[in-house]
Amino acid sequence: MYNALLIAELVVSVLLIIIVAMQPTKTNSASTALTGGAEQLFGNQKKRGFEAVLQRITVVLGTIFVVLALALAYLSAH
C-alpha cells in the first residue's frame, strides 16, 4: 500500500511540475512595476480556454498531491 501511494505521489508531482511549466507567463510592464500588479488583482479578468483548463488541472493535482502526502505520512507513522 505504501509503495503504491509513493509511486502515485511521484507521478502526480511530475505531472504538477509539467502543468505549472506549461502555464503562460505574465507580462511585466512598467505599470505593473509601479502599481505592484494591483490592476491585475482587482481587475475583472477571467481566465478563458487553455489558461482556465490549466488552472483547474493545477488545483486538482495540487489537492491530490496534498492528500497523498498526508496518507503517506499517516502510513509511515503507523
PDB file of N, CA and C in Angstrom:
ATOM      1  N   MET A   1       0.823  -1.191   0.000  1.00  0.00           N
ATOM      2  CA  MET A   1       0.000   0.000   0.000  1.00  0.00           C
ATOM      3  C   MET A   1       0.874   1.265   0.000  1.00  0.00           C
ATOM      4  N   TYR A   2       1.885   1.264   0.861  1.00  0.00           N
ATOM      5  CA  TYR A   2       2.771   2.419   0.958  1.00  0.00           C
ATOM      6  C   TYR A   2       3.488   2.663  -0.368  1.00  0.00           C
ATOM      7  N   ASN A   3       3.973   1.573  -0.984  1.00  0.00           N
ATOM      8  CA  ASN A   3       4.707   1.719  -2.249  1.00  0.00           C
ATOM      9  C   ASN A   3       3.806   2.229  -3.368  1.00  0.00           C
ATOM     10  N   ALA A   4       2.564   1.771  -3.397  1.00  0.00           N
ATOM     11  CA  ALA A   4       1.625   2.236  -4.421  1.00  0.00           C
ATOM     12  C   ALA A   4       1.338   3.729  -4.250  1.00  0.00           C
ATOM     13  N   LEU A   5       1.153   4.159  -3.006  1.00  0.00           N
ATOM     14  CA  LEU A   5       0.913   5.580  -2.757  1.00  0.00           C
ATOM     15  C   LEU A   5       2.149   6.423  -3.081  1.00  0.00           C
ATOM     16  N   LEU A   6       3.316   5.874  -2.808  1.00  0.00           N
ATOM     17  CA  LEU A   6       4.557   6.590  -3.111  1.00  0.00           C
ATOM     18  C   LEU A   6       4.735   6.771  -4.618  1.00  0.00           C
ATOM     19  N   ILE A   7       4.433   5.736  -5.382  1.00  0.00           N
ATOM     20  CA  ILE A   7       4.514   5.835  -6.845  1.00  0.00           C
ATOM     21  C   ILE A   7       3.490   6.842  -7.358  1.00  0.00           C
ATOM     22  N   ALA A   8       2.279   6.800  -6.805  1.00  0.00           N
ATOM     23  CA  ALA A   8       1.254   7.770  -7.216  1.00  0.00           C
ATOM     24  C   ALA A   8       1.692   9.194  -6.883  1.00  0.00           C
ATOM     25  N   GLU A   9       2.316   9.380  -5.740  1.00  0.00           N
ATOM     26  CA  GLU A   9       2.814  10.705  -5.337  1.00  0.00           C
ATOM     27  C   GLU A   9       3.873  11.200  -6.311  1.00  0.00           C
ATOM     28  N   LEU A  10       4.764  10.312  -6.722  1.00  0.00           N
ATOM     29  CA  LEU A  10       5.805  10.699  -7.680  1.00  0.00           C
ATOM     30  C   LEU A  10       5.213  11.070  -9.037  1.00  0.00           C
ATOM     31  N   VAL A  11       4.228  10.295  -9.493  1.00  0.00           N
ATOM     32  CA  VAL A  11       3.593  10.583 -10.782  1.00  0.00           C
ATOM     33  C   VAL A  11       2.861  11.921 -10.724  1.00  0.00           C
ATOM     34  N   VAL A  12       2.112  12.157  -9.646  1.00  0.00           N
ATOM     35  CA  VAL A  12       1.385  13.413  -9.502  1.00  0.00           C
ATOM     36  C   VAL A  12       2.345  14.594  -9.420  1.00  0.00           C
ATOM     37  N   SER A  13       3.459  14.429  -8.731  1.00  0.00           N
ATOM     38  CA  SER A  13       4.413  15.531  -8.614  1.00  0.00           C
ATOM     39  C   SER A  13       5.034  15.875  -9.970  1.00  0.00           C
ATOM     40  N   VAL A  14       5.350  14.875 -10.773  1.00  0.00           N
ATOM     41  CA  VAL A  14       5.906  15.141 -12.109  1.00  0.00           C
ATOM     42  C   VAL A  14       4.856  15.827 -12.984  1.00  0.00           C
ATOM     43  N   LEU A  15       3.608  15.344 -12.932  1.00  0.00           N
ATOM     44  CA  LEU A  15       2.539  15.980 -13.706  1.00  0.00           C
ATOM     45  C   LEU A  15       2.303  17.419 -13.260  1.00  0.00           C
ATOM     46  N   LEU A  16       2.388  17.660 -11.964  1.00  0.00           N
ATOM     47  CA  LEU A  16       2.198  19.008 -11.437  1.00  0.00           C
ATOM     48  C   LEU A  16       3.305  19.946 -11.929  1.00  0.00           C
ATOM     49  N   ILE A  17       4.521  19.467 -11.957  1.00  0.00           N
ATOM     50  CA  ILE A  17       5.639  20.270 -12.466  1.00  0.00           C
ATOM     51  C   ILE A  17       5.429  20.604 -13.939  1.00  0.00           C
ATOM     52  N   ILE A  18       4.997  19.629 -14.724  1.00  0.00           N
ATOM     53  CA  ILE A  18       4.777  19.846 -16.160  1.00  0.00           C
ATOM     54  C   ILE A  18       3.660  20.857 -16.384  1.00  0.00           C
ATOM     55  N   ILE A  19       2.557  20.725 -15.654  1.00  0.00           N
ATOM     56  CA  ILE A  19       1.419  21.626 -15.830  1.00  0.00           C
ATOM     57  C   ILE A  19       1.794  23.054 -15.432  1.00  0.00           C
ATOM     58  N   VAL A  20       2.520  23.200 -14.339  1.00  0.00           N
ATOM     59  CA  VAL A  20       2.921  24.545 -13.916  1.00  0.00           C
ATOM     60  C   VAL A  20       3.878  25.155 -14.934  1.00  0.00           C
ATOM     61  N   ALA A  21       4.753  24.359 -15.506  1.00  0.00           N
ATOM     62  CA  ALA A  21       5.689  24.871 -16.506  1.00  0.00           C
ATOM     63  C   ALA A  21       4.977  25.259 -17.804  1.00  0.00           C
ATOM     64  N   MET A  22       3.841  24.650 -18.096  1.00  0.00           N
ATOM     65  CA  MET A  22       3.096  24.947 -19.320  1.00  0.00           C
ATOM     66  C   MET A  22       2.271  26.231 -19.217  1.00  0.00           C
ATOM     67  N   GLN A  23       2.036  26.733 -18.019  1.00  0.00           N
ATOM     68  CA  GLN A  23       1.190  27.910 -17.873  1.00  0.00           C
ATOM     69  C   GLN A  23       1.876  29.126 -18.466  1.00  0.00           C
ATOM     70  N   PRO A  24       1.082  29.979 -19.113  1.00  0.00           N
ATOM     71  CA  PRO A  24       1.673  31.170 -19.744  1.00  0.00           C
ATOM     72  C   PRO A  24       2.196  32.150 -18.706  1.00  0.00           C
ATOM     73  N   THR A  25       3.243  32.860 -19.073  1.00  0.00           N
ATOM     74  CA  THR A  25       3.834  33.826 -18.156  1.00  0.00           C
ATOM     75  C   THR A  25       3.058  35.131 -18.204  1.00  0.00           C
ATOM     76  N   LYS A  26       3.132  35.864 -17.131  1.00  0.00           N
ATOM     77  CA  LYS A  26       2.502  37.182 -17.069  1.00  0.00           C
ATOM     78  C   LYS A  26       3.520  38.215 -17.564  1.00  0.00           C
ATOM     79  N   THR A  27       3.032  39.206 -18.260  1.00  0.00           N
ATOM     80  CA  THR A  27       3.937  40.237 -18.750  1.00  0.00           C
ATOM     81  C   THR A  27       4.213  41.235 -17.643  1.00  0.00           C
ATOM     82  N   ASN A  28       5.445  41.647 -17.537  1.00  0.00           N
ATOM     83  CA  ASN A  28       5.843  42.640 -16.545  1.00  0.00           C
ATOM     84  C   ASN A  28       6.111  43.955 -17.256  1.00  0.00           C
ATOM     85  N   SER A  29       5.122  44.828 -17.234  1.00  0.00           N
ATOM     86  CA  SER A  29       5.291  46.134 -17.853  1.00  0.00           C
ATOM     87  C   SER A  29       5.669  47.153 -16.790  1.00  0.00           C
ATOM     88  N   ALA A  30       5.919  48.368 -17.217  1.00  0.00           N
ATOM     89  CA  ALA A  30       6.297  49.431 -16.282  1.00  0.00           C
ATOM     90  C   ALA A  30       5.152  49.741 -15.326  1.00  0.00           C
ATOM     91  N   SER A  31       3.916  49.663 -15.808  1.00  0.00           N
ATOM     92  CA  SER A  31       2.778  49.956 -14.923  1.00  0.00           C
ATOM     93  C   SER A  31       2.636  48.888 -13.850  1.00  0.00           C
ATOM     94  N   THR A  32       2.954  47.651 -14.158  1.00  0.00           N
ATOM     95  CA  THR A  32       2.902  46.597 -13.158  1.00  0.00           C
ATOM     96  C   THR A  32       3.965  46.816 -12.086  1.00  0.00           C
ATOM     97  N   ALA A  33       5.120  47.288 -12.493  1.00  0.00           N
ATOM     98  CA  ALA A  33       6.189  47.539 -11.527  1.00  0.00           C
ATOM     99  C   ALA A  33       5.834  48.687 -10.595  1.00  0.00           C
ATOM    100  N   LEU A  34       5.155  49.693 -11.127  1.00  0.00           N
ATOM    101  CA  LEU A  34       4.812  50.858 -10.308  1.00  0.00           C
ATOM    102  C   LEU A  34       3.621  50.601  -9.389  1.00  0.00           C
ATOM    103  N   THR A  35       2.626  49.884  -9.889  1.00  0.00           N
ATOM    104  CA  THR A  35       1.413  49.665  -9.091  1.00  0.00           C
ATOM    105  C   THR A  35       1.460  48.374  -8.307  1.00  0.00           C
ATOM    106  N   GLY A  36       2.430  47.551  -8.558  1.00  0.00           N
ATOM    107  CA  GLY A  36       2.529  46.279  -7.848  1.00  0.00           C
ATOM    108  C   GLY A  36       1.557  45.236  -8.362  1.00  0.00           C
ATOM    109  N   GLY A  37       1.028  45.432  -9.533  1.00  0.00           N
ATOM    110  CA  GLY A  37       0.104  44.465 -10.109  1.00  0.00           C
ATOM    111  C   GLY A  37      -1.300  44.577  -9.564  1.00  0.00           C
ATOM    112  N   ALA A  38      -1.667  45.718  -8.983  1.00  0.00           N
ATOM    113  CA  ALA A  38      -2.985  45.872  -8.378  1.00  0.00           C
ATOM    114  C   ALA A  38      -4.096  45.797  -9.415  1.00  0.00           C
ATOM    115  N   GLU A  39      -3.846  46.280 -10.618  1.00  0.00           N
ATOM    116  CA  GLU A  39      -4.906  46.236 -11.616  1.00  0.00           C
ATOM    117  C   GLU A  39      -5.197  44.797 -12.042  1.00  0.00           C
ATOM    118  N   GLN A  40      -4.211  43.923 -11.960  1.00  0.00           N
ATOM    119  CA  GLN A  40      -4.463  42.523 -12.272  1.00  0.00           C
ATOM    120  C   GLN A  40      -5.181  41.831 -11.124  1.00  0.00           C
ATOM    121  N   LEU A  41      -4.887  42.256  -9.906  1.00  0.00           N
ATOM    122  CA  LEU A  41      -5.510  41.635  -8.745  1.00  0.00           C
ATOM    123  C   LEU A  41      -6.973  42.019  -8.634  1.00  0.00           C
ATOM    124  N   PHE A  42      -7.268  43.302  -8.816  1.00  0.00           N
ATOM    125  CA  PHE A  42      -8.631  43.784  -8.642  1.00  0.00           C
ATOM    126  C   PHE A  42      -9.391  43.917  -9.954  1.00  0.00           C
ATOM    127  N   GLY A  43      -8.713  43.720 -11.051  1.00  0.00           N
ATOM    128  CA  GLY A  43      -9.378  43.816 -12.345  1.00  0.00           C
ATOM    129  C   GLY A  43     -10.310  42.641 -12.565  1.00  0.00           C
ATOM    130  N   ASN A  44     -11.233  42.844 -13.460  1.00  0.00           N
ATOM    131  CA  ASN A  44     -12.208  41.791 -13.741  1.00  0.00           C
ATOM    132  C   ASN A  44     -11.709  40.959 -14.911  1.00  0.00           C
ATOM    133  N   GLN A  45     -10.647  40.227 -14.679  1.00  0.00           N
ATOM    134  CA  GLN A  45     -10.078  39.393 -15.724  1.00  0.00           C
ATOM    135  C   GLN A  45     -10.427  37.939 -15.434  1.00  0.00           C
ATOM    136  N   LYS A  46     -11.059  37.315 -16.408  1.00  0.00           N
ATOM    137  CA  LYS A  46     -11.454  35.931 -16.240  1.00  0.00           C
ATOM    138  C   LYS A  46     -10.612  35.090 -17.185  1.00  0.00           C
ATOM    139  N   LYS A  47     -10.048  34.041 -16.648  1.00  0.00           N
ATOM    140  CA  LYS A  47      -9.243  33.164 -17.491  1.00  0.00           C
ATOM    141  C   LYS A  47     -10.181  32.378 -18.403  1.00  0.00           C
ATOM    142  N   ARG A  48      -9.755  32.203 -19.627  1.00  0.00           N
ATOM    143  CA  ARG A  48     -10.590  31.504 -20.592  1.00  0.00           C
ATOM    144  C   ARG A  48      -9.765  30.465 -21.333  1.00  0.00           C
ATOM    145  N   GLY A  49     -10.432  29.455 -21.782  1.00  0.00           N
ATOM    146  CA  GLY A  49      -9.827  28.457 -22.644  1.00  0.00           C
ATOM    147  C   GLY A  49      -8.709  27.678 -21.995  1.00  0.00           C
ATOM    148  N   PHE A  50      -7.556  27.725 -22.629  1.00  0.00           N
ATOM    149  CA  PHE A  50      -6.395  26.942 -22.223  1.00  0.00           C
ATOM    150  C   PHE A  50      -5.928  27.299 -20.814  1.00  0.00           C
ATOM    151  N   GLU A  51      -5.932  28.587 -20.487  1.00  0.00           N
ATOM    152  CA  GLU A  51      -5.490  29.013 -19.155  1.00  0.00           C
ATOM    153  C   GLU A  51      -6.425  28.494 -18.068  1.00  0.00           C
ATOM    154  N   ALA A  52      -7.718  28.499 -18.334  1.00  0.00           N
ATOM    155  CA  ALA A  52      -8.686  28.015 -17.344  1.00  0.00           C
ATOM    156  C   ALA A  52      -8.517  26.517 -17.112  1.00  0.00           C
ATOM    157  N   VAL A  53      -8.291  25.781 -18.177  1.00  0.00           N
ATOM    158  CA  VAL A  53      -8.093  24.332 -18.048  1.00  0.00           C
ATOM    159  C   VAL A  53      -6.830  24.042 -17.259  1.00  0.00           C
ATOM    160  N   LEU A  54      -5.752  24.751 -17.558  1.00  0.00           N
ATOM    161  CA  LEU A  54      -4.503  24.550 -16.829  1.00  0.00           C
ATOM    162  C   LEU A  54      -4.652  24.909 -15.358  1.00  0.00           C
ATOM    163  N   GLN A  55      -5.409  25.954 -15.062  1.00  0.00           N
ATOM    164  CA  GLN A  55      -5.611  26.350 -13.670  1.00  0.00           C
ATOM    165  C   GLN A  55      -6.403  25.284 -12.915  1.00  0.00           C
ATOM    166  N   ARG A  56      -7.435  24.739 -13.542  1.00  0.00           N
ATOM    167  CA  ARG A  56      -8.230  23.692 -12.889  1.00  0.00           C
ATOM    168  C   ARG A  56      -7.412  22.422 -12.669  1.00  0.00           C
ATOM    169  N   ILE A  57      -6.623  22.047 -13.669  1.00  0.00           N
ATOM    170  CA  ILE A  57      -5.781  20.852 -13.532  1.00  0.00           C
ATOM    171  C   ILE A  57      -4.762  21.058 -12.423  1.00  0.00           C
ATOM    172  N   THR A  58      -4.201  22.264 -12.321  1.00  0.00           N
ATOM    173  CA  THR A  58      -3.232  22.558 -11.270  1.00  0.00           C
ATOM    174  C   THR A  58      -3.861  22.427  -9.891  1.00  0.00           C
ATOM    175  N   VAL A  59      -5.062  22.935  -9.727  1.00  0.00           N
ATOM    176  CA  VAL A  59      -5.754  22.845  -8.437  1.00  0.00           C
ATOM    177  C   VAL A  59      -6.048  21.387  -8.083  1.00  0.00           C
ATOM    178  N   VAL A  60      -6.525  20.622  -9.047  1.00  0.00           N
ATOM    179  CA  VAL A  60      -6.846  19.213  -8.796  1.00  0.00           C
ATOM    180  C   VAL A  60      -5.585  18.423  -8.451  1.00  0.00           C
ATOM    181  N   LEU A  61      -4.521  18.607  -9.226  1.00  0.00           N
ATOM    182  CA  LEU A  61      -3.281  17.884  -8.956  1.00  0.00           C
ATOM    183  C   LEU A  61      -2.665  18.316  -7.624  1.00  0.00           C
ATOM    184  N   GLY A  62      -2.758  19.585  -7.297  1.00  0.00           N
ATOM    185  CA  GLY A  62      -2.251  20.054  -6.010  1.00  0.00           C
ATOM    186  C   GLY A  62      -3.007  19.434  -4.844  1.00  0.00           C
ATOM    187  N   THR A  63      -4.322  19.335  -4.986  1.00  0.00           N
ATOM    188  CA  THR A  63      -5.139  18.710  -3.944  1.00  0.00           C
ATOM    189  C   THR A  63      -4.806  17.229  -3.796  1.00  0.00           C
ATOM    190  N   ILE A  64      -4.672  16.540  -4.910  1.00  0.00           N
ATOM    191  CA  ILE A  64      -4.304  15.114  -4.869  1.00  0.00           C
ATOM    192  C   ILE A  64      -2.930  14.939  -4.235  1.00  0.00           C
ATOM    193  N   PHE A  65      -2.002  15.835  -4.559  1.00  0.00           N
ATOM    194  CA  PHE A  65      -0.661  15.767  -4.004  1.00  0.00           C
ATOM    195  C   PHE A  65      -0.690  15.883  -2.483  1.00  0.00           C
ATOM    196  N   VAL A  66      -1.453  16.838  -1.976  1.00  0.00           N
ATOM    197  CA  VAL A  66      -1.528  17.040  -0.527  1.00  0.00           C
ATOM    198  C   VAL A  66      -2.190  15.841   0.159  1.00  0.00           C
ATOM    199  N   VAL A  67      -3.260  15.327  -0.426  1.00  0.00           N
ATOM    200  CA  VAL A  67      -3.943  14.170   0.161  1.00  0.00           C
ATOM    201  C   VAL A  67      -3.020  12.957   0.191  1.00  0.00           C
ATOM    202  N   LEU A  68      -2.300  12.727  -0.892  1.00  0.00           N
ATOM    203  CA  LEU A  68      -1.359  11.599  -0.926  1.00  0.00           C
ATOM    204  C   LEU A  68      -0.225  11.789   0.080  1.00  0.00           C
ATOM    205  N   ALA A  69       0.244  13.017   0.220  1.00  0.00           N
ATOM    206  CA  ALA A  69       1.311  13.283   1.188  1.00  0.00           C
ATOM    207  C   ALA A  69       0.836  13.005   2.621  1.00  0.00           C
ATOM    208  N   LEU A  70      -0.399  13.408   2.916  1.00  0.00           N
ATOM    209  CA  LEU A  70      -0.944  13.131   4.247  1.00  0.00           C
ATOM    210  C   LEU A  70      -1.138  11.631   4.471  1.00  0.00           C
ATOM    211  N   ALA A  71      -1.591  10.927   3.451  1.00  0.00           N
ATOM    212  CA  ALA A  71      -1.776   9.477   3.571  1.00  0.00           C
ATOM    213  C   ALA A  71      -0.433   8.778   3.777  1.00  0.00           C
ATOM    214  N   LEU A  72       0.589   9.225   3.051  1.00  0.00           N
ATOM    215  CA  LEU A  72       1.915   8.636   3.220  1.00  0.00           C
ATOM    216  C   LEU A  72       2.482   8.910   4.613  1.00  0.00           C
ATOM    217  N   ALA A  73       2.251  10.103   5.119  1.00  0.00           N
ATOM    218  CA  ALA A  73       2.715  10.424   6.472  1.00  0.00           C
ATOM    219  C   ALA A  73       1.995   9.577   7.511  1.00  0.00           C
ATOM    220  N   TYR A  74       0.700   9.371   7.321  1.00  0.00           N
ATOM    221  CA  TYR A  74      -0.065   8.547   8.254  1.00  0.00           C
ATOM    222  C   TYR A  74       0.417   7.096   8.217  1.00  0.00           C
ATOM    223  N   LEU A  75       0.639   6.575   7.008  1.00  0.00           N
ATOM    224  CA  LEU A  75       1.093   5.188   6.896  1.00  0.00           C
ATOM    225  C   LEU A  75       2.509   4.993   7.437  1.00  0.00           C
ATOM    226  N   SER A  76       3.348   5.982   7.284  1.00  0.00           N
ATOM    227  CA  SER A  76       4.715   5.819   7.794  1.00  0.00           C
ATOM    228  C   SER A  76       4.758   5.924   9.318  1.00  0.00           C
ATOM    229  N   ALA A  77       3.772   6.601   9.912  1.00  0.00           N
ATOM    230  CA  ALA A  77       3.737   6.731  11.378  1.00  0.00           C
ATOM    231  C   ALA A  77       3.149   5.486  12.047  1.00  0.00           C
ATOM    232  N   HIS A  78       2.330   4.753  11.299  1.00  0.00           N
ATOM    233  CA  HIS A  78       1.671   3.573  11.906  1.00  0.00           C
ATOM    234  C   HIS A  78       2.166   2.301  11.327  1.00  0.00           C
TER     235      HIS A  78
END
